[in-house]
């Protein structure tokens, strides 16, 4: 629910709305989400804003997400 509630916020930071979600085979609580952003700088602003860490905690997450910036 927290993930979905952040959609509008992600859009204001440049999230293009295309994403893929993966769950760990051995640990279904481990997830990987691949996002597409308009610019790397905007993605860095979003993930560095503290907004995500706050929401992860409210959603029951125990650790801050690890973020990798990748190019196609």
PDB file of N, CA and C in Angstrom:
ATOM      1  N   UNK A   1       0.823  -1.199   0.000  1.00  0.00           N
ATOM      2  CA  UNK A   1       0.000   0.000   0.000  1.00  0.00           C
ATOM      3  C   UNK A   1       0.866   1.262   0.000  1.00  0.00           C
ATOM      4  N   UNK A   2       1.950   1.244   0.807  1.00  0.00           N
ATOM      5  CA  UNK A   2       2.839   2.427   0.843  1.00  0.00           C
ATOM      6  C   UNK A   2       3.482   2.648  -0.530  1.00  0.00           C
ATOM      7  N   UNK A   3       3.895   1.563  -1.168  1.00  0.00           N
ATOM      8  CA  UNK A   3       4.511   1.657  -2.497  1.00  0.00           C
ATOM      9  C   UNK A   3       3.553   2.336  -3.474  1.00  0.00           C
ATOM     10  N   UNK A   4       2.325   1.865  -3.533  1.00  0.00           N
ATOM     11  CA  UNK A   4       1.347   2.434  -4.454  1.00  0.00           C
ATOM     12  C   UNK A   4       1.016   3.876  -4.104  1.00  0.00           C
ATOM     13  N   UNK A   5       1.001   4.206  -2.818  1.00  0.00           N
ATOM     14  CA  UNK A   5       0.643   5.562  -2.416  1.00  0.00           C
ATOM     15  C   UNK A   5       1.704   6.587  -2.821  1.00  0.00           C
ATOM     16  N   UNK A   6       2.891   6.118  -3.175  1.00  0.00           N
ATOM     17  CA  UNK A   6       3.980   7.026  -3.548  1.00  0.00           C
ATOM     18  C   UNK A   6       4.015   7.343  -5.042  1.00  0.00           C
ATOM     19  N   UNK A   7       3.071   6.805  -5.813  1.00  0.00           N
ATOM     20  CA  UNK A   7       3.088   6.982  -7.267  1.00  0.00           C
ATOM     21  C   UNK A   7       3.137   8.462  -7.674  1.00  0.00           C
ATOM     22  N   UNK A   8       2.262   9.265  -7.138  1.00  0.00           N
ATOM     23  CA  UNK A   8       2.217  10.688  -7.511  1.00  0.00           C
ATOM     24  C   UNK A   8       3.503  11.401  -7.123  1.00  0.00           C
ATOM     25  N   UNK A   9       4.051  11.058  -5.969  1.00  0.00           N
ATOM     26  CA  UNK A   9       5.310  11.672  -5.535  1.00  0.00           C
ATOM     27  C   UNK A   9       6.437  11.298  -6.480  1.00  0.00           C
ATOM     28  N   UNK A  10       6.511  10.022  -6.856  1.00  0.00           N
ATOM     29  CA  UNK A  10       7.551   9.594  -7.794  1.00  0.00           C
ATOM     30  C   UNK A  10       7.416  10.334  -9.113  1.00  0.00           C
ATOM     31  N   UNK A  11       6.189  10.516  -9.584  1.00  0.00           N
ATOM     32  CA  UNK A  11       5.980  11.236 -10.843  1.00  0.00           C
ATOM     33  C   UNK A  11       6.509  12.659 -10.777  1.00  0.00           C
ATOM     34  N   UNK A  12       6.319  13.345  -9.645  1.00  0.00           N
ATOM     35  CA  UNK A  12       6.812  14.723  -9.540  1.00  0.00           C
ATOM     36  C   UNK A  12       8.337  14.766  -9.605  1.00  0.00           C
ATOM     37  N   UNK A  13       8.994  13.658  -9.264  1.00  0.00           N
ATOM     38  CA  UNK A  13      10.449  13.576  -9.342  1.00  0.00           C
ATOM     39  C   UNK A  13      10.925  13.036 -10.690  1.00  0.00           C
ATOM     40  N   UNK A  14      10.006  12.715 -11.603  1.00  0.00           N
ATOM     41  CA  UNK A  14      10.408  12.289 -12.940  1.00  0.00           C
ATOM     42  C   UNK A  14      10.272  10.810 -13.236  1.00  0.00           C
ATOM     43  N   UNK A  15       9.600  10.057 -12.362  1.00  0.00           N
ATOM     44  CA  UNK A  15       9.351   8.641 -12.648  1.00  0.00           C
ATOM     45  C   UNK A  15       8.446   8.555 -13.870  1.00  0.00           C
ATOM     46  N   UNK A  16       8.842   7.749 -14.855  1.00  0.00           N
ATOM     47  CA  UNK A  16       8.085   7.636 -16.090  1.00  0.00           C
ATOM     48  C   UNK A  16       6.953   6.613 -16.008  1.00  0.00           C
ATOM     49  N   UNK A  17       6.829   5.938 -14.863  1.00  0.00           N
ATOM     50  CA  UNK A  17       5.703   5.035 -14.677  1.00  0.00           C
ATOM     51  C   UNK A  17       5.916   3.633 -15.220  1.00  0.00           C
ATOM     52  N   UNK A  18       7.075   3.368 -15.792  1.00  0.00           N
ATOM     53  CA  UNK A  18       7.371   2.021 -16.272  1.00  0.00           C
ATOM     54  C   UNK A  18       8.256   1.344 -15.241  1.00  0.00           C
ATOM     55  N   UNK A  19       7.783   0.247 -14.685  1.00  0.00           N
ATOM     56  CA  UNK A  19       8.591  -0.426 -13.671  1.00  0.00           C
ATOM     57  C   UNK A  19       8.354  -1.923 -13.733  1.00  0.00           C
ATOM     58  N   UNK A  20       9.314  -2.639 -13.204  1.00  0.00           N
ATOM     59  CA  UNK A  20       9.209  -4.098 -13.072  1.00  0.00           C
ATOM     60  C   UNK A  20       9.501  -4.450 -11.628  1.00  0.00           C
ATOM     61  N   UNK A  21       8.734  -5.383 -11.085  1.00  0.00           N
ATOM     62  CA  UNK A  21       8.862  -5.808  -9.702  1.00  0.00           C
ATOM     63  C   UNK A  21       9.224  -7.286  -9.676  1.00  0.00           C
ATOM     64  N   UNK A  22      10.252  -7.616  -8.901  1.00  0.00           N
ATOM     65  CA  UNK A  22      10.709  -8.991  -8.763  1.00  0.00           C
ATOM     66  C   UNK A  22      10.718  -9.363  -7.285  1.00  0.00           C
ATOM     67  N   UNK A  23      10.382 -10.619  -6.969  1.00  0.00           N
ATOM     68  CA  UNK A  23      10.472 -11.157  -5.610  1.00  0.00           C
ATOM     69  C   UNK A  23      11.528 -12.239  -5.593  1.00  0.00           C
ATOM     70  N   UNK A  24      12.228 -12.330  -4.463  1.00  0.00           N
ATOM     71  CA  UNK A  24      13.232 -13.369  -4.314  1.00  0.00           C
ATOM     72  C   UNK A  24      12.600 -14.752  -4.303  1.00  0.00           C
ATOM     73  N   UNK A  25      13.215 -15.693  -4.989  1.00  0.00           N
ATOM     74  CA  UNK A  25      12.709 -17.067  -5.006  1.00  0.00           C
ATOM     75  C   UNK A  25      12.848 -17.692  -3.625  1.00  0.00           C
ATOM     76  N   UNK A  26      13.983 -17.489  -2.989  1.00  0.00           N
ATOM     77  CA  UNK A  26      14.231 -18.076  -1.675  1.00  0.00           C
ATOM     78  C   UNK A  26      13.724 -17.214  -0.526  1.00  0.00           C
ATOM     79  N   UNK A  27      13.508 -15.931  -0.792  1.00  0.00           N
ATOM     80  CA  UNK A  27      13.018 -15.016   0.240  1.00  0.00           C
ATOM     81  C   UNK A  27      11.996 -14.080  -0.392  1.00  0.00           C
ATOM     82  N   UNK A  28      10.714 -14.421  -0.344  1.00  0.00           N
ATOM     83  CA  UNK A  28       9.693 -13.587  -0.986  1.00  0.00           C
ATOM     84  C   UNK A  28       9.553 -12.195  -0.369  1.00  0.00           C
ATOM     85  N   UNK A  29      10.172 -11.967   0.788  1.00  0.00           N
ATOM     86  CA  UNK A  29      10.172 -10.625   1.374  1.00  0.00           C
ATOM     87  C   UNK A  29      11.252  -9.743   0.779  1.00  0.00           C
ATOM     88  N   UNK A  30      12.134 -10.313  -0.012  1.00  0.00           N
ATOM     89  CA  UNK A  30      13.177  -9.553  -0.696  1.00  0.00           C
ATOM     90  C   UNK A  30      12.655  -9.182  -2.085  1.00  0.00           C
ATOM     91  N   UNK A  31      12.616  -7.883  -2.367  1.00  0.00           N
ATOM     92  CA  UNK A  31      12.096  -7.446  -3.666  1.00  0.00           C
ATOM     93  C   UNK A  31      13.095  -6.540  -4.370  1.00  0.00           C
ATOM     94  N   UNK A  32      12.992  -6.528  -5.684  1.00  0.00           N
ATOM     95  CA  UNK A  32      13.762  -5.616  -6.528  1.00  0.00           C
ATOM     96  C   UNK A  32      12.756  -4.911  -7.432  1.00  0.00           C
ATOM     97  N   UNK A  33      12.831  -3.591  -7.467  1.00  0.00           N
ATOM     98  CA  UNK A  33      11.974  -2.806  -8.344  1.00  0.00           C
ATOM     99  C   UNK A  33      12.874  -2.042  -9.298  1.00  0.00           C
ATOM    100  N   UNK A  34      12.595  -2.165 -10.587  1.00  0.00           N
ATOM    101  CA  UNK A  34      13.348  -1.436 -11.613  1.00  0.00           C
ATOM    102  C   UNK A  34      12.434  -0.331 -12.134  1.00  0.00           C
ATOM    103  N   UNK A  35      12.880   0.913 -11.974  1.00  0.00           N
ATOM    104  CA  UNK A  35      12.131   2.087 -12.415  1.00  0.00           C
ATOM    105  C   UNK A  35      12.793   2.700 -13.644  1.00  0.00           C
ATOM    106  N   UNK A  36      12.007   3.417 -14.433  1.00  0.00           N
ATOM    107  CA  UNK A  36      12.527   4.280 -15.498  1.00  0.00           C
ATOM    108  C   UNK A  36      12.257   5.720 -15.094  1.00  0.00           C
ATOM    109  N   UNK A  37      13.317   6.549 -15.150  1.00  0.00           N
ATOM    110  CA  UNK A  37      13.206   7.962 -14.774  1.00  0.00           C
ATOM    111  C   UNK A  37      13.548   8.825 -15.970  1.00  0.00           C
ATOM    112  N   UNK A  38      13.060  10.066 -15.960  1.00  0.00           N
ATOM    113  CA  UNK A  38      13.376  10.962 -17.064  1.00  0.00           C
ATOM    114  C   UNK A  38      14.860  11.330 -17.076  1.00  0.00           C
ATOM    115  N   UNK A  39      15.458  11.521 -15.897  1.00  0.00           N
ATOM    116  CA  UNK A  39      16.897  11.793 -15.811  1.00  0.00           C
ATOM    117  C   UNK A  39      17.467  11.115 -14.569  1.00  0.00           C
ATOM    118  N   UNK A  40      18.734  10.802 -14.623  1.00  0.00           N
ATOM    119  CA  UNK A  40      19.416  10.231 -13.466  1.00  0.00           C
ATOM    120  C   UNK A  40      19.410  11.222 -12.309  1.00  0.00           C
ATOM    121  N   UNK A  41      19.604  12.499 -12.608  1.00  0.00           N
ATOM    122  CA  UNK A  41      19.600  13.513 -11.547  1.00  0.00           C
ATOM    123  C   UNK A  41      18.283  13.525 -10.778  1.00  0.00           C
ATOM    124  N   UNK A  42      17.157  13.399 -11.484  1.00  0.00           N
ATOM    125  CA  UNK A  42      15.863  13.379 -10.797  1.00  0.00           C
ATOM    126  C   UNK A  42      15.699  12.117  -9.951  1.00  0.00           C
ATOM    127  N   UNK A  43      16.174  10.994 -10.441  1.00  0.00           N
ATOM    128  CA  UNK A  43      16.121   9.757  -9.656  1.00  0.00           C
ATOM    129  C   UNK A  43      16.952   9.925  -8.385  1.00  0.00           C
ATOM    130  N   UNK A  44      18.124  10.507  -8.519  1.00  0.00           N
ATOM    131  CA  UNK A  44      18.983  10.737  -7.353  1.00  0.00           C
ATOM    132  C   UNK A  44      18.303  11.678  -6.354  1.00  0.00           C
ATOM    133  N   UNK A  45      17.618  12.691  -6.853  1.00  0.00           N
ATOM    134  CA  UNK A  45      16.910  13.608  -5.950  1.00  0.00           C
ATOM    135  C   UNK A  45      15.819  12.864  -5.181  1.00  0.00           C
ATOM    136  N   UNK A  46      15.054  12.026  -5.873  1.00  0.00           N
ATOM    137  CA  UNK A  46      13.987  11.279  -5.204  1.00  0.00           C
ATOM    138  C   UNK A  46      14.555  10.323  -4.151  1.00  0.00           C
ATOM    139  N   UNK A  47      15.502   9.498  -4.542  1.00  0.00           N
ATOM    140  CA  UNK A  47      16.018   8.488  -3.623  1.00  0.00           C
ATOM    141  C   UNK A  47      16.862   9.107  -2.510  1.00  0.00           C
ATOM    142  N   UNK A  48      17.361  10.309  -2.710  1.00  0.00           N
ATOM    143  CA  UNK A  48      18.122  10.992  -1.679  1.00  0.00           C
ATOM    144  C   UNK A  48      17.285  11.914  -0.810  1.00  0.00           C
ATOM    145  N   UNK A  49      15.991  12.008  -1.096  1.00  0.00           N
ATOM    146  CA  UNK A  49      15.137  12.990  -0.412  1.00  0.00           C
ATOM    147  C   UNK A  49      14.732  12.592   1.004  1.00  0.00           C
ATOM    148  N   UNK A  50      14.873  11.331   1.351  1.00  0.00           N
ATOM    149  CA  UNK A  50      14.407  10.873   2.651  1.00  0.00           C
ATOM    150  C   UNK A  50      12.951  10.455   2.639  1.00  0.00           C
ATOM    151  N   UNK A  51      12.211  10.859   1.622  1.00  0.00           N
ATOM    152  CA  UNK A  51      10.800  10.495   1.508  1.00  0.00           C
ATOM    153  C   UNK A  51      10.636   8.987   1.441  1.00  0.00           C
ATOM    154  N   UNK A  52      11.453   8.341   0.642  1.00  0.00           N
ATOM    155  CA  UNK A  52      11.347   6.898   0.478  1.00  0.00           C
ATOM    156  C   UNK A  52      11.664   6.167   1.777  1.00  0.00           C
ATOM    157  N   UNK A  53      12.732   6.543   2.444  1.00  0.00           N
ATOM    158  CA  UNK A  53      13.115   5.872   3.694  1.00  0.00           C
ATOM    159  C   UNK A  53      12.002   5.969   4.724  1.00  0.00           C
ATOM    160  N   UNK A  54      11.358   7.122   4.807  1.00  0.00           N
ATOM    161  CA  UNK A  54      10.246   7.302   5.739  1.00  0.00           C
ATOM    162  C   UNK A  54       9.106   6.352   5.410  1.00  0.00           C
ATOM    163  N   UNK A  55       8.763   6.257   4.140  1.00  0.00           N
ATOM    164  CA  UNK A  55       7.652   5.397   3.723  1.00  0.00           C
ATOM    165  C   UNK A  55       7.978   3.923   3.893  1.00  0.00           C
ATOM    166  N   UNK A  56       9.217   3.533   3.648  1.00  0.00           N
ATOM    167  CA  UNK A  56       9.612   2.138   3.843  1.00  0.00           C
ATOM    168  C   UNK A  56       9.389   1.745   5.300  1.00  0.00           C
ATOM    169  N   UNK A  57       9.778   2.609   6.206  1.00  0.00           N
ATOM    170  CA  UNK A  57       9.570   2.334   7.625  1.00  0.00           C
ATOM    171  C   UNK A  57       8.104   2.226   7.990  1.00  0.00           C
ATOM    172  N   UNK A  58       7.291   3.115   7.456  1.00  0.00           N
ATOM    173  CA  UNK A  58       5.855   3.068   7.744  1.00  0.00           C
ATOM    174  C   UNK A  58       5.203   1.833   7.148  1.00  0.00           C
ATOM    175  N   UNK A  59       5.774   1.340   6.044  1.00  0.00           N
ATOM    176  CA  UNK A  59       5.221   0.160   5.391  1.00  0.00           C
ATOM    177  C   UNK A  59       5.702  -1.144   6.004  1.00  0.00           C
ATOM    178  N   UNK A  60       6.526  -1.053   7.042  1.00  0.00           N
ATOM    179  CA  UNK A  60       6.987  -2.254   7.722  1.00  0.00           C
ATOM    180  C   UNK A  60       8.357  -2.729   7.285  1.00  0.00           C
ATOM    181  N   UNK A  61       9.000  -1.982   6.387  1.00  0.00           N
ATOM    182  CA  UNK A  61      10.345  -2.359   5.960  1.00  0.00           C
ATOM    183  C   UNK A  61      11.338  -2.218   7.095  1.00  0.00           C
ATOM    184  N   UNK A  62      12.270  -3.143   7.159  1.00  0.00           N
ATOM    185  CA  UNK A  62      13.236  -3.126   8.258  1.00  0.00           C
ATOM    186  C   UNK A  62      14.543  -2.453   7.885  1.00  0.00           C
ATOM    187  N   UNK A  63      14.816  -2.348   6.604  1.00  0.00           N
ATOM    188  CA  UNK A  63      16.075  -1.737   6.175  1.00  0.00           C
ATOM    189  C   UNK A  63      15.802  -0.742   5.058  1.00  0.00           C
ATOM    190  N   UNK A  64      16.676   0.230   4.951  1.00  0.00           N
ATOM    191  CA  UNK A  64      16.580   1.177   3.841  1.00  0.00           C
ATOM    192  C   UNK A  64      16.897   0.443   2.547  1.00  0.00           C
ATOM    193  N   UNK A  65      16.252   0.825   1.463  1.00  0.00           N
ATOM    194  CA  UNK A  65      16.529   0.155   0.198  1.00  0.00           C
ATOM    195  C   UNK A  65      17.932   0.461  -0.308  1.00  0.00           C
ATOM    196  N   UNK A  66      18.491  -0.481  -1.031  1.00  0.00           N
ATOM    197  CA  UNK A  66      19.746  -0.260  -1.741  1.00  0.00           C
ATOM    198  C   UNK A  66      19.390   0.215  -3.129  1.00  0.00           C
ATOM    199  N   UNK A  67      20.000   1.304  -3.573  1.00  0.00           N
ATOM    200  CA  UNK A  67      19.654   1.900  -4.867  1.00  0.00           C
ATOM    201  C   UNK A  67      20.864   1.831  -5.786  1.00  0.00           C
ATOM    202  N   UNK A  68      20.628   1.355  -7.003  1.00  0.00           N
ATOM    203  CA  UNK A  68      21.650   1.323  -8.054  1.00  0.00           C
ATOM    204  C   UNK A  68      21.137   2.153  -9.212  1.00  0.00           C
ATOM    205  N   UNK A  69      21.993   2.942  -9.806  1.00  0.00           N
ATOM    206  CA  UNK A  69      21.635   3.740 -10.964  1.00  0.00           C
ATOM    207  C   UNK A  69      22.252   3.068 -12.186  1.00  0.00           C
ATOM    208  N   UNK A  70      21.414   2.670 -13.125  1.00  0.00           N
ATOM    209  CA  UNK A  70      21.848   1.895 -14.277  1.00  0.00           C
ATOM    210  C   UNK A  70      21.450   2.606 -15.567  1.00  0.00           C
ATOM    211  N   UNK A  71      22.204   2.330 -16.616  1.00  0.00           N
ATOM    212  CA  UNK A  71      21.843   2.847 -17.940  1.00  0.00           C
ATOM    213  C   UNK A  71      21.489   1.692 -18.851  1.00  0.00           C
ATOM    214  N   UNK A  72      20.590   1.955 -19.768  1.00  0.00           N
ATOM    215  CA  UNK A  72      20.161   0.969 -20.743  1.00  0.00           C
ATOM    216  C   UNK A  72      21.224   0.791 -21.803  1.00  0.00           C
TER     217      UNK A  72
END
